[in-house]
């Protein structure tokens, strides 16, 4: 759990930023020298950090440890996104892995907006006020983790196994996918969104496209072969979905990634 130890002293706040990037794909070749707490105010992305892949959506919080990573931190967004970053340091022991915490909480959004405005304003006493707000944010994050329905999320396990093994099937059976959880569709969808940030269909589509990206970069298959192996009935539908999510056609994807990663 993040911030499990409440006796955490922030030794320094480095900066607090509001970030609204122009590009959907980013590759960061560095290991941050401080901890990072990010709040996604808009959009959703697939995060790859130190070999771990996570999905983060609107209202979610992302924690990244300092001095950790394989110099291959990738943010692959589904759409235009914006976020708040708090860069801080502490002597307390914190997790050494990337963590996503579903927030979906208006109070959290308000706290991040407030701490950023005070930091940017640089009025007398701003640093002390920001330290106070940072502790409020940490407390709120800890509270959300304690009271999240973890036992309910476990009911998604069988459905997640099915999804992992069959998401590229052309005839993916959504009825079986949901029924394996033993939940009604409405409640299943609610729990799924609380964990992944997006509805099941959108998440599975994104999984298909992520797999397509891997195959395109291998340059071993035709676009038609990739479309079929990723569960699309025809190349035209595949191309339309791919371009909508990635902002570029499958044909031009490899050169686009190479240029953007420089």
C-alpha atoms as a PDB file:
ATOM      1  CA  UNK A   1       0.000   0.000   0.000  1.00  0.00           C
ATOM      2  CA  UNK A   2       1.202   3.507  -0.785  1.00  0.00           C
ATOM      3  CA  UNK A   3       1.680   5.793   2.277  1.00  0.00           C
ATOM      4  CA  UNK A   4       1.033   2.853   4.609  1.00  0.00           C
ATOM      5  CA  UNK A   5       3.387   4.425   7.134  1.00  0.00           C
ATOM      6  CA  UNK A   6       1.656   7.575   8.326  1.00  0.00           C
ATOM      7  CA  UNK A   7       4.875   8.831   9.926  1.00  0.00           C
ATOM      8  CA  UNK A   8       6.091  10.067   6.571  1.00  0.00           C
ATOM      9  CA  UNK A   9       7.912  13.373   6.515  1.00  0.00           C
ATOM     10  CA  UNK A  10       8.249  15.186   3.223  1.00  0.00           C
ATOM     11  CA  UNK A  11      11.844  16.394   3.159  1.00  0.00           C
ATOM     12  CA  UNK A  12      11.321  18.534   0.077  1.00  0.00           C
ATOM     13  CA  UNK A  13       8.799  19.535  -2.542  1.00  0.00           C
ATOM     14  CA  UNK A  14      10.731  20.005  -5.779  1.00  0.00           C
ATOM     15  CA  UNK A  15       8.005  21.296  -8.028  1.00  0.00           C
ATOM     16  CA  UNK A  16       4.299  20.972  -8.806  1.00  0.00           C
ATOM     17  CA  UNK A  17       3.283  21.023 -12.450  1.00  0.00           C
ATOM     18  CA  UNK A  18       0.238  20.970 -14.675  1.00  0.00           C
ATOM     19  CA  UNK A  19       1.110  19.136 -17.866  1.00  0.00           C
ATOM     20  CA  UNK A  20      -0.890  18.973 -21.099  1.00  0.00           C
ATOM     21  CA  UNK A  21       1.320  17.327 -23.747  1.00  0.00           C
ATOM     22  CA  UNK A  22       0.740  17.639 -27.468  1.00  0.00           C
ATOM     23  CA  UNK A  23       1.889  14.131 -28.360  1.00  0.00           C
ATOM     24  CA  UNK A  24       0.125  10.926 -27.368  1.00  0.00           C
ATOM     25  CA  UNK A  25       3.262   8.781 -27.245  1.00  0.00           C
ATOM     26  CA  UNK A  26       6.184   9.594 -24.974  1.00  0.00           C
ATOM     27  CA  UNK A  27       9.342   7.695 -24.127  1.00  0.00           C
ATOM     28  CA  UNK A  28      11.397   8.987 -21.204  1.00  0.00           C
ATOM     29  CA  UNK A  29      15.033   7.866 -21.098  1.00  0.00           C
ATOM     30  CA  UNK A  30      15.820   8.718 -17.482  1.00  0.00           C
ATOM     31  CA  UNK A  31      15.502   7.606 -13.889  1.00  0.00           C
ATOM     32  CA  UNK A  32      13.796  10.296 -11.788  1.00  0.00           C
ATOM     33  CA  UNK A  33      15.849  11.517  -8.767  1.00  0.00           C
ATOM     34  CA  UNK A  34      12.668  12.097  -6.747  1.00  0.00           C
ATOM     35  CA  UNK A  35       9.278  10.504  -6.124  1.00  0.00           C
ATOM     36  CA  UNK A  36       6.422  11.409  -8.424  1.00  0.00           C
ATOM     37  CA  UNK A  37       2.702  11.521  -7.683  1.00  0.00           C
ATOM     38  CA  UNK A  38       0.570  12.168 -10.758  1.00  0.00           C
ATOM     39  CA  UNK A  39      -3.137  12.885 -10.982  1.00  0.00           C
ATOM     40  CA  UNK A  40      -4.794  12.374 -14.387  1.00  0.00           C
ATOM     41  CA  UNK A  41      -7.338  15.151 -14.758  1.00  0.00           C
ATOM     42  CA  UNK A  42      -8.267  14.082 -18.301  1.00  0.00           C
ATOM     43  CA  UNK A  43      -7.628  11.205 -20.695  1.00  0.00           C
ATOM     44  CA  UNK A  44      -6.341   7.666 -20.269  1.00  0.00           C
ATOM     45  CA  UNK A  45      -3.005   6.037 -21.025  1.00  0.00           C
ATOM     46  CA  UNK A  46      -1.105   2.781 -20.918  1.00  0.00           C
ATOM     47  CA  UNK A  47       1.990   3.199 -18.762  1.00  0.00           C
ATOM     48  CA  UNK A  48       5.083   1.006 -19.079  1.00  0.00           C
ATOM     49  CA  UNK A  49       7.580   1.481 -16.256  1.00  0.00           C
ATOM     50  CA  UNK A  50      10.439  -0.832 -15.331  1.00  0.00           C
ATOM     51  CA  UNK A  51       8.811  -3.719 -17.216  1.00  0.00           C
ATOM     52  CA  UNK A  52       5.399  -3.239 -15.622  1.00  0.00           C
ATOM     53  CA  UNK A  53       2.391  -2.192 -17.711  1.00  0.00           C
ATOM     54  CA  UNK A  54      -0.504  -0.334 -16.101  1.00  0.00           C
ATOM     55  CA  UNK A  55      -3.587   1.495 -17.306  1.00  0.00           C
ATOM     56  CA  UNK A  56      -4.402   4.912 -15.890  1.00  0.00           C
ATOM     57  CA  UNK A  57      -7.574   6.859 -16.629  1.00  0.00           C
ATOM     58  CA  UNK A  58      -9.267  10.119 -15.756  1.00  0.00           C
ATOM     59  CA  UNK A  59      -9.297  10.647 -12.001  1.00  0.00           C
ATOM     60  CA  UNK A  60      -6.607   8.037 -11.276  1.00  0.00           C
ATOM     61  CA  UNK A  61      -3.353   8.615  -9.416  1.00  0.00           C
ATOM     62  CA  UNK A  62       0.019   7.244 -10.506  1.00  0.00           C
ATOM     63  CA  UNK A  63       2.967   6.831  -8.122  1.00  0.00           C
ATOM     64  CA  UNK A  64       6.508   6.392  -9.449  1.00  0.00           C
ATOM     65  CA  UNK A  65       9.531   5.646  -7.229  1.00  0.00           C
ATOM     66  CA  UNK A  66      12.840   7.490  -7.494  1.00  0.00           C
ATOM     67  CA  UNK A  67      16.011   6.074  -9.038  1.00  0.00           C
ATOM     68  CA  UNK A  68      14.050   3.106 -10.372  1.00  0.00           C
ATOM     69  CA  UNK A  69      13.514   2.052 -13.964  1.00  0.00           C
ATOM     70  CA  UNK A  70      15.146   0.495 -16.985  1.00  0.00           C
ATOM     71  CA  UNK A  71      15.355   3.808 -18.819  1.00  0.00           C
ATOM     72  CA  UNK A  72      12.292   2.798 -20.750  1.00  0.00           C
ATOM     73  CA  UNK A  73       9.380   4.706 -19.200  1.00  0.00           C
ATOM     74  CA  UNK A  74       6.642   4.900 -21.840  1.00  0.00           C
ATOM     75  CA  UNK A  75       3.327   6.744 -21.832  1.00  0.00           C
ATOM     76  CA  UNK A  76       1.022   5.639 -24.642  1.00  0.00           C
ATOM     77  CA  UNK A  77      -2.191   7.693 -24.500  1.00  0.00           C
ATOM     78  CA  UNK A  78      -5.516   6.838 -26.096  1.00  0.00           C
ATOM     79  CA  UNK A  79      -6.439  10.502 -26.454  1.00  0.00           C
ATOM     80  CA  UNK A  80      -5.304  13.982 -25.463  1.00  0.00           C
ATOM     81  CA  UNK A  81      -4.611  14.027 -21.756  1.00  0.00           C
ATOM     82  CA  UNK A  82      -3.683  16.398 -18.949  1.00  0.00           C
ATOM     83  CA  UNK A  83      -2.258  15.786 -15.508  1.00  0.00           C
ATOM     84  CA  UNK A  84      -0.826  17.267 -12.330  1.00  0.00           C
ATOM     85  CA  UNK A  85       2.609  16.207 -11.063  1.00  0.00           C
ATOM     86  CA  UNK A  86       3.956  16.513  -7.525  1.00  0.00           C
ATOM     87  CA  UNK A  87       7.688  15.825  -7.317  1.00  0.00           C
ATOM     88  CA  UNK A  88       8.830  15.237  -3.746  1.00  0.00           C
ATOM     89  CA  UNK A  89      11.365  13.493  -1.549  1.00  0.00           C
ATOM     90  CA  UNK A  90      11.250  11.711   1.788  1.00  0.00           C
ATOM     91  CA  UNK A  91      13.495   9.516   3.903  1.00  0.00           C
ATOM     92  CA  UNK A  92      10.556   7.188   4.571  1.00  0.00           C
ATOM     93  CA  UNK A  93      10.448   3.820   2.850  1.00  0.00           C
ATOM     94  CA  UNK A  94       8.069   3.866  -0.119  1.00  0.00           C
ATOM     95  CA  UNK A  95       7.195   1.157  -2.680  1.00  0.00           C
ATOM     96  CA  UNK A  96       9.806   0.497  -5.352  1.00  0.00           C
ATOM     97  CA  UNK A  97       7.328  -0.021  -8.160  1.00  0.00           C
ATOM     98  CA  UNK A  98       4.801   1.954 -10.170  1.00  0.00           C
ATOM     99  CA  UNK A  99       1.339   1.979  -8.584  1.00  0.00           C
ATOM    100  CA  UNK A 100      -2.017   3.146  -9.958  1.00  0.00           C
ATOM    101  CA  UNK A 101      -4.695   4.115  -7.435  1.00  0.00           C
ATOM    102  CA  UNK A 102      -8.255   4.588  -8.737  1.00  0.00           C
ATOM    103  CA  UNK A 103      -9.441   7.904  -7.319  1.00  0.00           C
ATOM    104  CA  UNK A 104     -12.538   9.172  -9.140  1.00  0.00           C
ATOM    105  CA  UNK A 105     -12.901  11.643  -6.294  1.00  0.00           C
ATOM    106  CA  UNK A 106     -13.808  15.306  -6.728  1.00  0.00           C
ATOM    107  CA  UNK A 107     -12.014  16.210  -3.500  1.00  0.00           C
ATOM    108  CA  UNK A 108      -8.748  14.799  -4.857  1.00  0.00           C
ATOM    109  CA  UNK A 109      -9.164  16.813  -8.031  1.00  0.00           C
ATOM    110  CA  UNK A 110      -9.787  19.938  -5.970  1.00  0.00           C
ATOM    111  CA  UNK A 111      -6.674  19.343  -3.833  1.00  0.00           C
ATOM    112  CA  UNK A 112      -4.375  18.902  -6.845  1.00  0.00           C
ATOM    113  CA  UNK A 113      -5.799  21.980  -8.521  1.00  0.00           C
ATOM    114  CA  UNK A 114      -5.393  24.008  -5.330  1.00  0.00           C
ATOM    115  CA  UNK A 115      -1.821  22.934  -4.582  1.00  0.00           C
ATOM    116  CA  UNK A 116      -0.782  23.721  -8.157  1.00  0.00           C
ATOM    117  CA  UNK A 117      -2.343  27.184  -8.108  1.00  0.00           C
ATOM    118  CA  UNK A 118      -0.664  28.054  -4.816  1.00  0.00           C
ATOM    119  CA  UNK A 119       2.709  26.765  -6.045  1.00  0.00           C
ATOM    120  CA  UNK A 120       2.526  28.758  -9.258  1.00  0.00           C
ATOM    121  CA  UNK A 121       1.363  31.892  -7.417  1.00  0.00           C
ATOM    122  CA  UNK A 122       4.500  31.950  -5.223  1.00  0.00           C
ATOM    123  CA  UNK A 123       2.844  34.222  -2.670  1.00  0.00           C
ATOM    124  CA  UNK A 124       4.452  34.556   0.797  1.00  0.00           C
ATOM    125  CA  UNK A 125       3.939  31.326   2.707  1.00  0.00           C
ATOM    126  CA  UNK A 126       3.190  29.334  -0.466  1.00  0.00           C
ATOM    127  CA  UNK A 127       5.662  26.538   0.357  1.00  0.00           C
ATOM    128  CA  UNK A 128       4.174  25.888   3.797  1.00  0.00           C
ATOM    129  CA  UNK A 129       0.664  25.842   2.335  1.00  0.00           C
ATOM    130  CA  UNK A 130       1.740  23.395  -0.359  1.00  0.00           C
ATOM    131  CA  UNK A 131       3.353  21.121   2.233  1.00  0.00           C
ATOM    132  CA  UNK A 132       0.080  21.087   4.156  1.00  0.00           C
ATOM    133  CA  UNK A 133      -1.913  20.259   1.027  1.00  0.00           C
ATOM    134  CA  UNK A 134       0.559  17.530   0.043  1.00  0.00           C
ATOM    135  CA  UNK A 135      -0.074  15.799   3.369  1.00  0.00           C
ATOM    136  CA  UNK A 136      -3.825  16.159   2.795  1.00  0.00           C
ATOM    137  CA  UNK A 137      -3.425  14.484  -0.585  1.00  0.00           C
ATOM    138  CA  UNK A 138      -1.341  11.656   0.906  1.00  0.00           C
ATOM    139  CA  UNK A 139      -3.965  11.118   3.610  1.00  0.00           C
ATOM    140  CA  UNK A 140      -6.751  11.015   1.022  1.00  0.00           C
ATOM    141  CA  UNK A 141      -4.823   8.505  -1.111  1.00  0.00           C
ATOM    142  CA  UNK A 142      -4.253   6.262   1.902  1.00  0.00           C
ATOM    143  CA  UNK A 143      -7.933   6.443   2.828  1.00  0.00           C
ATOM    144  CA  UNK A 144      -9.011   5.418  -0.684  1.00  0.00           C
ATOM    145  CA  UNK A 145      -6.757   2.369  -0.628  1.00  0.00           C
ATOM    146  CA  UNK A 146      -8.077   1.188   2.738  1.00  0.00           C
ATOM    147  CA  UNK A 147     -11.720   1.520   1.776  1.00  0.00           C
ATOM    148  CA  UNK A 148     -11.554   0.337  -1.838  1.00  0.00           C
ATOM    149  CA  UNK A 149     -13.647  -2.812  -2.522  1.00  0.00           C
ATOM    150  CA  UNK A 150     -10.661  -5.172  -2.877  1.00  0.00           C
ATOM    151  CA  UNK A 151     -12.709  -8.260  -2.109  1.00  0.00           C
ATOM    152  CA  UNK A 152     -15.137  -7.324  -4.861  1.00  0.00           C
ATOM    153  CA  UNK A 153     -12.352  -6.728  -7.345  1.00  0.00           C
ATOM    154  CA  UNK A 154     -11.224 -10.319  -6.753  1.00  0.00           C
ATOM    155  CA  UNK A 155     -14.452 -11.398  -8.419  1.00  0.00           C
ATOM    156  CA  UNK A 156     -13.031 -10.128 -11.701  1.00  0.00           C
ATOM    157  CA  UNK A 157     -10.186 -12.672 -11.610  1.00  0.00           C
ATOM    158  CA  UNK A 158     -11.839 -15.396 -13.728  1.00  0.00           C
ATOM    159  CA  UNK A 159     -13.009 -12.836 -16.276  1.00  0.00           C
ATOM    160  CA  UNK A 160      -9.529 -11.302 -16.412  1.00  0.00           C
ATOM    161  CA  UNK A 161      -8.015 -14.719 -17.103  1.00  0.00           C
ATOM    162  CA  UNK A 162     -10.485 -15.207 -19.945  1.00  0.00           C
ATOM    163  CA  UNK A 163      -9.680 -11.742 -21.278  1.00  0.00           C
ATOM    164  CA  UNK A 164      -5.923 -12.386 -21.187  1.00  0.00           C
ATOM    165  CA  UNK A 165      -6.284 -15.651 -23.114  1.00  0.00           C
ATOM    166  CA  UNK A 166      -8.953 -14.661 -25.637  1.00  0.00           C
ATOM    167  CA  UNK A 167      -8.834 -10.881 -26.217  1.00  0.00           C
ATOM    168  CA  UNK A 168      -7.503 -11.388 -29.752  1.00  0.00           C
ATOM    169  CA  UNK A 169     -10.281 -13.818 -30.710  1.00  0.00           C
ATOM    170  CA  UNK A 170     -12.396 -12.535 -33.590  1.00  0.00           C
ATOM    171  CA  UNK A 171     -15.457 -13.979 -31.855  1.00  0.00           C
ATOM    172  CA  UNK A 172     -14.539 -12.896 -28.320  1.00  0.00           C
ATOM    173  CA  UNK A 173     -17.499 -13.969 -26.161  1.00  0.00           C
ATOM    174  CA  UNK A 174     -18.482 -10.992 -24.015  1.00  0.00           C
ATOM    175  CA  UNK A 175     -21.331 -12.951 -22.433  1.00  0.00           C
ATOM    176  CA  UNK A 176     -18.927 -15.605 -21.128  1.00  0.00           C
ATOM    177  CA  UNK A 177     -16.461 -12.890 -20.149  1.00  0.00           C
ATOM    178  CA  UNK A 178     -19.006 -11.282 -17.817  1.00  0.00           C
ATOM    179  CA  UNK A 179     -20.713 -14.463 -16.569  1.00  0.00           C
ATOM    180  CA  UNK A 180     -17.420 -15.903 -15.279  1.00  0.00           C
ATOM    181  CA  UNK A 181     -17.464 -13.208 -12.581  1.00  0.00           C
ATOM    182  CA  UNK A 182     -20.870 -14.252 -11.292  1.00  0.00           C
ATOM    183  CA  UNK A 183     -21.931 -10.599 -11.307  1.00  0.00           C
ATOM    184  CA  UNK A 184     -24.638  -8.691 -13.117  1.00  0.00           C
ATOM    185  CA  UNK A 185     -23.375  -6.783 -16.138  1.00  0.00           C
ATOM    186  CA  UNK A 186     -24.042  -3.382 -14.565  1.00  0.00           C
ATOM    187  CA  UNK A 187     -22.056  -4.205 -11.418  1.00  0.00           C
ATOM    188  CA  UNK A 188     -19.344  -5.995 -13.406  1.00  0.00           C
ATOM    189  CA  UNK A 189     -18.918  -2.894 -15.574  1.00  0.00           C
ATOM    190  CA  UNK A 190     -18.767  -0.651 -12.495  1.00  0.00           C
ATOM    191  CA  UNK A 191     -16.011  -2.750 -10.887  1.00  0.00           C
ATOM    192  CA  UNK A 192     -14.144  -3.070 -14.182  1.00  0.00           C
ATOM    193  CA  UNK A 193     -14.095   0.697 -14.688  1.00  0.00           C
ATOM    194  CA  UNK A 194     -12.976   1.237 -11.074  1.00  0.00           C
ATOM    195  CA  UNK A 195      -9.936  -0.950 -11.785  1.00  0.00           C
ATOM    196  CA  UNK A 196      -9.092  -0.135 -15.407  1.00  0.00           C
ATOM    197  CA  UNK A 197     -10.569   3.322 -15.815  1.00  0.00           C
ATOM    198  CA  UNK A 198     -12.526   2.460 -18.970  1.00  0.00           C
ATOM    199  CA  UNK A 199     -15.419   0.110 -19.904  1.00  0.00           C
ATOM    200  CA  UNK A 200     -14.615  -3.506 -20.859  1.00  0.00           C
ATOM    201  CA  UNK A 201     -15.087  -3.099 -24.624  1.00  0.00           C
ATOM    202  CA  UNK A 202     -12.798  -0.079 -24.781  1.00  0.00           C
ATOM    203  CA  UNK A 203     -10.119  -1.786 -22.689  1.00  0.00           C
ATOM    204  CA  UNK A 204     -10.159  -4.949 -24.801  1.00  0.00           C
ATOM    205  CA  UNK A 205      -9.995  -2.902 -27.985  1.00  0.00           C
ATOM    206  CA  UNK A 206      -6.971  -1.134 -26.556  1.00  0.00           C
ATOM    207  CA  UNK A 207      -5.353  -4.478 -25.753  1.00  0.00           C
ATOM    208  CA  UNK A 208      -5.856  -5.549 -29.377  1.00  0.00           C
ATOM    209  CA  UNK A 209      -4.285  -2.337 -30.654  1.00  0.00           C
ATOM    210  CA  UNK A 210      -1.341  -2.631 -28.252  1.00  0.00           C
ATOM    211  CA  UNK A 211      -0.712  -6.117 -29.587  1.00  0.00           C
ATOM    212  CA  UNK A 212      -0.980  -4.808 -33.134  1.00  0.00           C
ATOM    213  CA  UNK A 213       1.644  -2.174 -32.325  1.00  0.00           C
ATOM    214  CA  UNK A 214       4.051  -4.877 -31.175  1.00  0.00           C
ATOM    215  CA  UNK A 215       3.521  -6.884 -34.348  1.00  0.00           C
ATOM    216  CA  UNK A 216       3.886  -3.824 -36.574  1.00  0.00           C
ATOM    217  CA  UNK A 217       7.218  -2.951 -34.958  1.00  0.00           C
ATOM    218  CA  UNK A 218       8.489  -6.477 -35.602  1.00  0.00           C
ATOM    219  CA  UNK A 219       8.034  -5.829 -39.348  1.00  0.00           C
ATOM    220  CA  UNK A 220       7.445  -9.560 -39.895  1.00  0.00           C
ATOM    221  CA  UNK A 221       3.771  -9.511 -40.843  1.00  0.00           C
ATOM    222  CA  UNK A 222       1.491  -7.817 -43.333  1.00  0.00           C
ATOM    223  CA  UNK A 223      -1.170  -5.430 -42.054  1.00  0.00           C
ATOM    224  CA  UNK A 224      -3.833  -7.897 -43.119  1.00  0.00           C
ATOM    225  CA  UNK A 225      -2.194 -10.693 -41.099  1.00  0.00           C
ATOM    226  CA  UNK A 226      -1.901  -8.446 -38.058  1.00  0.00           C
ATOM    227  CA  UNK A 227      -5.525  -7.344 -38.302  1.00  0.00           C
ATOM    228  CA  UNK A 228      -6.705 -10.957 -38.314  1.00  0.00           C
ATOM    229  CA  UNK A 229      -4.365 -12.138 -35.545  1.00  0.00           C
ATOM    230  CA  UNK A 230      -5.545  -9.266 -33.311  1.00  0.00           C
ATOM    231  CA  UNK A 231      -9.204 -10.171 -33.684  1.00  0.00           C
ATOM    232  CA  UNK A 232     -10.449  -7.761 -36.346  1.00  0.00           C
ATOM    233  CA  UNK A 233     -12.800  -9.101 -38.984  1.00  0.00           C
ATOM    234  CA  UNK A 234     -11.303  -7.042 -41.788  1.00  0.00           C
ATOM    235  CA  UNK A 235      -8.388  -4.748 -42.500  1.00  0.00           C
ATOM    236  CA  UNK A 236     -10.575  -1.690 -43.072  1.00  0.00           C
ATOM    237  CA  UNK A 237     -12.170  -1.797 -39.639  1.00  0.00           C
ATOM    238  CA  UNK A 238      -8.767  -2.497 -38.084  1.00  0.00           C
ATOM    239  CA  UNK A 239      -7.208   0.494 -39.838  1.00  0.00           C
ATOM    240  CA  UNK A 240     -10.009   2.819 -38.731  1.00  0.00           C
ATOM    241  CA  UNK A 241      -9.798   1.743 -35.075  1.00  0.00           C
ATOM    242  CA  UNK A 242      -5.996   1.844 -35.110  1.00  0.00           C
ATOM    243  CA  UNK A 243      -5.830   5.364 -36.499  1.00  0.00           C
ATOM    244  CA  UNK A 244      -8.506   6.581 -34.074  1.00  0.00           C
ATOM    245  CA  UNK A 245      -6.533   5.349 -31.062  1.00  0.00           C
ATOM    246  CA  UNK A 246      -2.977   5.888 -32.247  1.00  0.00           C
ATOM    247  CA  UNK A 247      -3.412   9.006 -34.389  1.00  0.00           C
ATOM    248  CA  UNK A 248      -1.610   7.399 -37.310  1.00  0.00           C
ATOM    249  CA  UNK A 249      -2.384   4.615 -39.788  1.00  0.00           C
ATOM    250  CA  UNK A 250      -0.960   1.092 -39.303  1.00  0.00           C
ATOM    251  CA  UNK A 251       1.100   1.576 -42.450  1.00  0.00           C
ATOM    252  CA  UNK A 252       2.885   4.624 -41.038  1.00  0.00           C
ATOM    253  CA  UNK A 253       3.104   3.496 -37.411  1.00  0.00           C
ATOM    254  CA  UNK A 254       6.696   2.174 -37.348  1.00  0.00           C
ATOM    255  CA  UNK A 255       8.183   5.355 -38.790  1.00  0.00           C
ATOM    256  CA  UNK A 256       5.986   7.465 -36.494  1.00  0.00           C
ATOM    257  CA  UNK A 257       7.236   5.648 -33.359  1.00  0.00           C
ATOM    258  CA  UNK A 258      10.848   5.848 -34.463  1.00  0.00           C
ATOM    259  CA  UNK A 259      10.585   9.593 -34.982  1.00  0.00           C
ATOM    260  CA  UNK A 260       8.746  10.261 -31.716  1.00  0.00           C
ATOM    261  CA  UNK A 261      11.170   8.227 -29.591  1.00  0.00           C
ATOM    262  CA  UNK A 262      14.256  10.176 -30.640  1.00  0.00           C
END
